[in-house]
C-alpha atoms as a PDB file:
ATOM      1  CA  MET A   1      -6.419 -16.538  42.638  1.00  0.00           C
ATOM      2  CA  ARG A   2      -4.793 -16.282  39.210  1.00  0.00           C
ATOM      3  CA  PHE A   3      -1.823 -18.127  37.758  1.00  0.00           C
ATOM      4  CA  LEU A   4       0.891 -16.446  35.758  1.00  0.00           C
ATOM      5  CA  MET A   5       1.514 -17.689  32.227  1.00  0.00           C
ATOM      6  CA  THR A   6       4.387 -16.518  30.052  1.00  0.00           C
ATOM      7  CA  ALA A   7       5.681 -17.331  26.598  1.00  0.00           C
ATOM      8  CA  SER A   8       9.046 -18.230  28.127  1.00  0.00           C
ATOM      9  CA  LEU A   9       7.504 -20.973  30.283  1.00  0.00           C
ATOM     10  CA  LEU A  10       5.638 -22.400  27.301  1.00  0.00           C
ATOM     11  CA  SER A  11       8.842 -22.218  25.248  1.00  0.00           C
ATOM     12  CA  ALA A  12      10.805 -24.063  27.950  1.00  0.00           C
ATOM     13  CA  TRP A  13       8.289 -26.897  27.815  1.00  0.00           C
ATOM     14  CA  GLN A  14       8.234 -26.835  24.029  1.00  0.00           C
ATOM     15  CA  TYR A  15      12.036 -26.810  23.771  1.00  0.00           C
ATOM     16  CA  ASN A  16      12.549 -29.784  26.049  1.00  0.00           C
ATOM     17  CA  PHE A  17       9.600 -31.998  25.147  1.00  0.00           C
ATOM     18  CA  ILE A  18       8.257 -31.031  21.735  1.00  0.00           C
ATOM     19  CA  LYS A  19      11.173 -30.121  19.470  1.00  0.00           C
ATOM     20  CA  TYR A  20      14.243 -31.944  20.691  1.00  0.00           C
ATOM     21  CA  PHE A  21      13.934 -35.674  21.037  1.00  0.00           C
ATOM     22  CA  ASP A  22      17.671 -36.375  21.113  1.00  0.00           C
ATOM     23  CA  ILE A  23      18.164 -35.545  24.792  1.00  0.00           C
ATOM     24  CA  SER A  24      17.390 -37.990  27.563  1.00  0.00           C
ATOM     25  CA  ASP A  25      14.097 -37.732  29.408  1.00  0.00           C
ATOM     26  CA  GLU A  26      15.947 -37.140  32.679  1.00  0.00           C
ATOM     27  CA  GLN A  27      17.966 -34.274  31.238  1.00  0.00           C
ATOM     28  CA  ALA A  28      14.909 -32.740  29.605  1.00  0.00           C
ATOM     29  CA  MET A  29      12.923 -32.971  32.831  1.00  0.00           C
ATOM     30  CA  ALA A  30      15.732 -31.451  34.894  1.00  0.00           C
ATOM     31  CA  GLN A  31      16.001 -28.493  32.521  1.00  0.00           C
ATOM     32  CA  PHE A  32      12.266 -27.969  32.399  1.00  0.00           C
ATOM     33  CA  LEU A  33      11.823 -28.201  36.179  1.00  0.00           C
ATOM     34  CA  MET A  34      14.223 -25.308  36.631  1.00  0.00           C
ATOM     35  CA  SER A  35      11.816 -23.160  34.635  1.00  0.00           C
ATOM     36  CA  LEU A  36       8.716 -24.611  36.300  1.00  0.00           C
ATOM     37  CA  ARG A  37      10.164 -23.908  39.757  1.00  0.00           C
ATOM     38  CA  ARG A  38      11.270 -20.447  38.618  1.00  0.00           C
ATOM     39  CA  GLU A  39      14.892 -21.170  39.453  1.00  0.00           C
ATOM     40  CA  PRO A  40      17.513 -18.811  37.972  1.00  0.00           C
ATOM     41  CA  ILE A  41      18.874 -20.116  34.674  1.00  0.00           C
ATOM     42  CA  PRO A  42      22.630 -19.493  34.394  1.00  0.00           C
ATOM     43  CA  LYS A  43      23.421 -17.325  31.385  1.00  0.00           C
ATOM     44  CA  ASN A  44      25.583 -19.019  28.788  1.00  0.00           C
ATOM     45  CA  LYS A  45      27.551 -17.201  26.111  1.00  0.00           C
ATOM     46  CA  ALA A  46      24.757 -17.460  23.532  1.00  0.00           C
ATOM     47  CA  MET A  47      22.226 -15.960  25.944  1.00  0.00           C
ATOM     48  CA  GLN A  48      24.557 -13.111  26.880  1.00  0.00           C
ATOM     49  CA  ASN A  49      25.321 -12.380  23.226  1.00  0.00           C
ATOM     50  CA  GLY A  50      21.598 -12.130  22.556  1.00  0.00           C
ATOM     51  CA  LEU A  51      21.132  -9.624  25.375  1.00  0.00           C
ATOM     52  CA  ASP A  52      24.169  -7.593  24.311  1.00  0.00           C
ATOM     53  CA  PHE A  53      23.101  -7.491  20.663  1.00  0.00           C
ATOM     54  CA  GLU A  54      19.582  -6.392  21.558  1.00  0.00           C
ATOM     55  CA  LYS A  55      20.923  -3.596  23.775  1.00  0.00           C
ATOM     56  CA  MET A  56      23.271  -2.426  21.050  1.00  0.00           C
ATOM     57  CA  ALA A  57      20.490  -2.308  18.442  1.00  0.00           C
ATOM     58  CA  CYS A  58      18.183  -0.390  20.788  1.00  0.00           C
ATOM     59  CA  ASP A  59      20.966   2.030  21.756  1.00  0.00           C
ATOM     60  CA  MET A  60      21.733   2.633  18.091  1.00  0.00           C
ATOM     61  CA  ALA A  61      18.024   3.327  17.527  1.00  0.00           C
ATOM     62  CA  ASP A  62      18.278   5.975  20.264  1.00  0.00           C
ATOM     63  CA  ASP A  63      21.324   7.461  18.479  1.00  0.00           C
ATOM     64  CA  ILE A  64      23.677   6.484  21.300  1.00  0.00           C
ATOM     65  CA  ASP A  65      27.309   6.159  20.255  1.00  0.00           C
ATOM     66  CA  CYS A  66      28.045   2.420  20.389  1.00  0.00           C
ATOM     67  CA  SER A  67      31.475   2.556  18.750  1.00  0.00           C
ATOM     68  CA  LEU A  68      33.233   1.574  21.981  1.00  0.00           C
ATOM     69  CA  TYR A  69      31.020  -1.470  22.631  1.00  0.00           C
ATOM     70  CA  PRO A  70      33.156  -4.663  22.666  1.00  0.00           C
ATOM     71  CA  ASN A  71      31.335  -6.239  19.675  1.00  0.00           C
ATOM     72  CA  TYR A  72      30.615  -3.064  17.717  1.00  0.00           C
ATOM     73  CA  ARG A  73      32.807  -3.852  14.709  1.00  0.00           C
ATOM     74  CA  THR A  74      31.528  -7.432  14.564  1.00  0.00           C
ATOM     75  CA  TRP A  75      27.827  -6.641  14.938  1.00  0.00           C
ATOM     76  CA  GLU A  76      27.397  -3.182  13.415  1.00  0.00           C
ATOM     77  CA  THR A  77      26.303  -4.501  10.005  1.00  0.00           C
ATOM     78  CA  GLY A  78      23.514  -6.519  11.590  1.00  0.00           C
ATOM     79  CA  ALA A  79      22.473  -4.114  14.328  1.00  0.00           C
ATOM     80  CA  ALA A  80      22.164  -0.974  12.181  1.00  0.00           C
ATOM     81  CA  PRO A  81      19.271  -2.173   9.954  1.00  0.00           C
ATOM     82  CA  ILE A  82      17.376  -3.413  13.008  1.00  0.00           C
ATOM     83  CA  ALA A  83      17.942  -0.066  14.730  1.00  0.00           C
ATOM     84  CA  ASN A  84      16.397   1.687  11.722  1.00  0.00           C
ATOM     85  CA  ILE A  85      13.319  -0.560  11.884  1.00  0.00           C
ATOM     86  CA  ILE A  86      12.642  -0.148  15.595  1.00  0.00           C
ATOM     87  CA  ARG A  87      13.567   3.552  15.885  1.00  0.00           C
ATOM     88  CA  GLY A  88      10.726   5.423  17.579  1.00  0.00           C
ATOM     89  CA  GLY A  89       9.364   2.349  19.332  1.00  0.00           C
ATOM     90  CA  VAL A  90       8.893   1.671  23.033  1.00  0.00           C
ATOM     91  CA  TRP A  91      11.523  -0.667  24.495  1.00  0.00           C
ATOM     92  CA  GLN A  92      10.693  -3.419  27.000  1.00  0.00           C
ATOM     93  CA  TYR A  93       6.964  -2.690  27.039  1.00  0.00           C
ATOM     94  CA  ILE A  94       5.192  -4.695  29.767  1.00  0.00           C
ATOM     95  CA  ALA A  95       1.689  -6.027  29.142  1.00  0.00           C
ATOM     96  CA  SER A  96      -0.679  -8.362  30.983  1.00  0.00           C
ATOM     97  CA  LYS A  97      -4.183  -9.719  30.533  1.00  0.00           C
ATOM     98  CA  GLU A  98      -6.552 -11.795  32.644  1.00  0.00           C
ATOM     99  CA  VAL A  99      -8.138 -14.756  30.875  1.00  0.00           C
ATOM    100  CA  THR A 100      -9.888 -17.956  31.906  1.00  0.00           C
ATOM    101  CA  ILE A 101      -9.074 -21.086  29.950  1.00  0.00           C
ATOM    102  CA  GLY A 102     -11.052 -24.140  30.928  1.00  0.00           C
ATOM    103  CA  ASP A 103     -11.776 -23.391  34.568  1.00  0.00           C
ATOM    104  CA  ILE A 104      -8.343 -21.920  35.356  1.00  0.00           C
ATOM    105  CA  PRO A 105      -7.871 -18.157  35.735  1.00  0.00           C
ATOM    106  CA  PHE A 106      -4.601 -17.040  34.161  1.00  0.00           C
ATOM    107  CA  LEU A 107      -2.704 -13.785  34.101  1.00  0.00           C
ATOM    108  CA  LEU A 108      -0.930 -13.655  30.764  1.00  0.00           C
ATOM    109  CA  TYR A 109       2.260 -11.618  31.007  1.00  0.00           C
ATOM    110  CA  GLY A 110       4.897 -10.448  28.571  1.00  0.00           C
ATOM    111  CA  ARG A 111       7.780  -8.026  28.238  1.00  0.00           C
ATOM    112  CA  LEU A 112       7.986  -6.961  24.597  1.00  0.00           C
ATOM    113  CA  ASP A 113      11.337  -6.041  23.099  1.00  0.00           C
ATOM    114  CA  VAL A 114       9.765  -3.278  21.016  1.00  0.00           C
ATOM    115  CA  LEU A 115       6.229  -1.976  20.547  1.00  0.00           C
ATOM    116  CA  LYS A 116       5.942   0.500  17.675  1.00  0.00           C
ATOM    117  CA  ASP A 117       2.489   1.732  16.677  1.00  0.00           C
ATOM    118  CA  ASP A 118       0.532  -1.432  15.822  1.00  0.00           C
ATOM    119  CA  LEU A 119       3.618  -3.621  15.353  1.00  0.00           C
ATOM    120  CA  ILE A 120       5.470  -5.818  17.838  1.00  0.00           C
ATOM    121  CA  TYR A 121       9.137  -6.587  17.260  1.00  0.00           C
ATOM    122  CA  ASP A 122      11.308  -9.215  18.910  1.00  0.00           C
ATOM    123  CA  ILE A 123      15.072  -9.243  18.385  1.00  0.00           C
ATOM    124  CA  LYS A 124      16.791 -12.604  18.062  1.00  0.00           C
ATOM    125  CA  PHE A 125      20.520 -13.270  17.778  1.00  0.00           C
ATOM    126  CA  GLY A 126      22.159 -16.513  16.707  1.00  0.00           C
ATOM    127  CA  ASN A 127      24.704 -18.108  14.422  1.00  0.00           C
ATOM    128  CA  LYS A 128      22.183 -20.022  12.346  1.00  0.00           C
ATOM    129  CA  TYR A 129      18.796 -19.228  10.871  1.00  0.00           C
ATOM    130  CA  LYS A 130      16.378 -21.285   8.815  1.00  0.00           C
ATOM    131  CA  PRO A 131      13.233 -19.695   7.322  1.00  0.00           C
ATOM    132  CA  GLY A 132      10.157 -20.471   9.388  1.00  0.00           C
ATOM    133  CA  LYS A 133      12.233 -21.196  12.492  1.00  0.00           C
ATOM    134  CA  TYR A 134       9.797 -19.406  14.802  1.00  0.00           C
ATOM    135  CA  LYS A 135       6.532 -20.515  13.223  1.00  0.00           C
ATOM    136  CA  THR A 136       5.580 -22.808  16.108  1.00  0.00           C
ATOM    137  CA  TYR A 137       6.903 -20.547  18.863  1.00  0.00           C
ATOM    138  CA  PRO A 138       4.227 -19.403  21.346  1.00  0.00           C
ATOM    139  CA  GLN A 139       5.748 -15.921  21.626  1.00  0.00           C
ATOM    140  CA  HIS A 140       3.884 -14.204  18.803  1.00  0.00           C
ATOM    141  CA  SER A 141       0.605 -15.815  19.871  1.00  0.00           C
ATOM    142  CA  MET A 142       1.094 -14.588  23.429  1.00  0.00           C
ATOM    143  CA  TYR A 143       2.108 -11.040  22.545  1.00  0.00           C
ATOM    144  CA  LEU A 144      -0.639 -10.523  19.972  1.00  0.00           C
ATOM    145  CA  GLU A 145      -3.105 -11.635  22.640  1.00  0.00           C
ATOM    146  CA  LEU A 146      -1.614  -9.103  25.063  1.00  0.00           C
ATOM    147  CA  ILE A 147      -1.737  -6.205  22.576  1.00  0.00           C
ATOM    148  CA  PRO A 148      -5.223  -6.390  20.997  1.00  0.00           C
ATOM    149  CA  TYR A 149      -4.639  -3.503  18.585  1.00  0.00           C
ATOM    150  CA  ALA A 150      -1.387  -4.920  17.196  1.00  0.00           C
ATOM    151  CA  ARG A 151      -1.846  -6.268  13.694  1.00  0.00           C
ATOM    152  CA  GLN A 152       1.480  -8.060  13.315  1.00  0.00           C
ATOM    153  CA  PHE A 153       4.408  -9.554  15.208  1.00  0.00           C
ATOM    154  CA  GLU A 154       7.827  -9.571  13.566  1.00  0.00           C
ATOM    155  CA  TYR A 155      10.978 -11.426  14.571  1.00  0.00           C
ATOM    156  CA  LEU A 156      14.158  -9.538  13.649  1.00  0.00           C
ATOM    157  CA  ILE A 157      16.933 -12.117  13.463  1.00  0.00           C
ATOM    158  CA  SER A 158      20.639 -11.482  13.020  1.00  0.00           C
ATOM    159  CA  ASP A 159      23.998 -13.188  13.298  1.00  0.00           C
ATOM    160  CA  GLY A 160      25.665  -9.783  13.555  1.00  0.00           C
ATOM    161  CA  LYS A 161      26.275  -9.549   9.822  1.00  0.00           C
ATOM    162  CA  HIS A 162      22.947 -10.424   8.209  1.00  0.00           C
ATOM    163  CA  VAL A 163      19.341  -9.655   9.078  1.00  0.00           C
ATOM    164  CA  TRP A 164      16.324 -11.861   8.466  1.00  0.00           C
ATOM    165  CA  THR A 165      12.690 -11.107   9.226  1.00  0.00           C
ATOM    166  CA  GLU A 166       9.886 -13.483  10.061  1.00  0.00           C
ATOM    167  CA  ALA A 167       6.478 -11.836  10.355  1.00  0.00           C
ATOM    168  CA  TYR A 168       3.142 -13.161  11.578  1.00  0.00           C
ATOM    169  CA  HIS A 169      -0.108 -11.316  10.973  1.00  0.00           C
ATOM    170  CA  ARG A 170      -2.833 -11.702  13.565  1.00  0.00           C
ATOM    171  CA  SER A 171      -5.020 -13.544  11.046  1.00  0.00           C
ATOM    172  CA  GLU A 172      -2.447 -16.331  10.642  1.00  0.00           C
ATOM    173  CA  THR A 173      -1.516 -16.706  14.317  1.00  0.00           C
ATOM    174  CA  LYS A 174      -2.802 -19.494  16.547  1.00  0.00           C
ATOM    175  CA  PRO A 175      -4.722 -18.454  19.666  1.00  0.00           C
ATOM    176  CA  ILE A 176      -2.524 -18.649  22.760  1.00  0.00           C
ATOM    177  CA  ALA A 177      -5.043 -21.096  24.255  1.00  0.00           C
ATOM    178  CA  ASP A 178      -3.865 -23.617  21.646  1.00  0.00           C
ATOM    179  CA  TYR A 179      -0.534 -23.695  23.486  1.00  0.00           C
ATOM    180  CA  ILE A 180      -1.793 -23.375  27.053  1.00  0.00           C
ATOM    181  CA  VAL A 181      -4.378 -26.195  26.914  1.00  0.00           C
ATOM    182  CA  PRO A 182      -1.930 -28.951  25.832  1.00  0.00           C
ATOM    183  CA  PHE A 183       0.662 -27.574  28.250  1.00  0.00           C
ATOM    184  CA  MET A 184      -1.720 -27.858  31.196  1.00  0.00           C
ATOM    185  CA  ASP A 185      -2.839 -31.321  30.022  1.00  0.00           C
ATOM    186  CA  TRP A 186       0.804 -32.413  29.891  1.00  0.00           C
ATOM    187  CA  LEU A 187       1.421 -31.078  33.406  1.00  0.00           C
ATOM    188  CA  ALA A 188      -1.589 -33.014  34.700  1.00  0.00           C
ATOM    189  CA  LYS A 189      -0.492 -36.204  32.941  1.00  0.00           C
ATOM    190  CA  ASN A 190       2.957 -35.926  34.515  1.00  0.00           C
ATOM    191  CA  ASN A 191       1.728 -34.954  38.002  1.00  0.00           C
ATOM    192  CA  LEU A 192       3.210 -31.454  37.731  1.00  0.00           C
ATOM    193  CA  GLN A 193       0.100 -29.275  37.893  1.00  0.00           C
ATOM    194  CA  LYS A 194       0.498 -28.785  41.656  1.00  0.00           C
ATOM    195  CA  THR A 195       4.072 -27.631  41.098  1.00  0.00           C
ATOM    196  CA  TYR A 196       2.886 -25.082  38.557  1.00  0.00           C
ATOM    197  CA  PHE A 197       0.127 -23.851  40.870  1.00  0.00           C
ATOM    198  CA  GLN A 198       2.645 -23.549  43.711  1.00  0.00           C
ATOM    199  CA  TYR A 199       5.256 -21.483  41.882  1.00  0.00           C
ATOM    200  CA  TRP A 200       3.165 -19.464  39.446  1.00  0.00           C
ATOM    201  CA  GLN A 201       0.551 -17.788  41.587  1.00  0.00           C
ATOM    202  CA  ALA A 202       0.094 -14.257  40.284  1.00  0.00           C
ATOM    203  CA  LYS A 203       0.674 -11.539  42.860  1.00  0.00           C
ATOM    204  CA  ASP A 204      -1.920  -8.820  43.259  1.00  0.00           C
END
């Protein structure tokens, strides 16, 4: 038996219990348990904008006419440079890898926004950006583990008008185990390991 592990689950834990200390413990736990129990997370406007922007950039990279998209005039300046970077890549590339960490067999899993040669790209959309924002995110560690020949992971960030890049070479990226081990320890400390094992069994 293997247990599925994704960057999004690690990020949900990180978001609620590592980065943001200004929300109540009860609220943080409720939000995290939705992810741990694999319950659907309602899409808010920010989430939908991120999905729409990513689709527009990828469609532009495929030379699809996006001029009639609802946000075309607002986002064109930001989407076009990203489209030029990712053109020729593979969209939504799925990768997995079996690993054992401690005595637990995991199936690492990821759906990459773009895989192009030996580079991995992830498109982010938001109103604010601060350099180094994604340094402690588990996403680049996870995806570089999943794609052993990739030399670098690059976040492509835009607010629709500007584009920022944040790149991480394999040599400067933490092993994904450095995120998984404290996560599993935290689950055990909070009597949530059984919940994880219940909901995250990997299907054959």
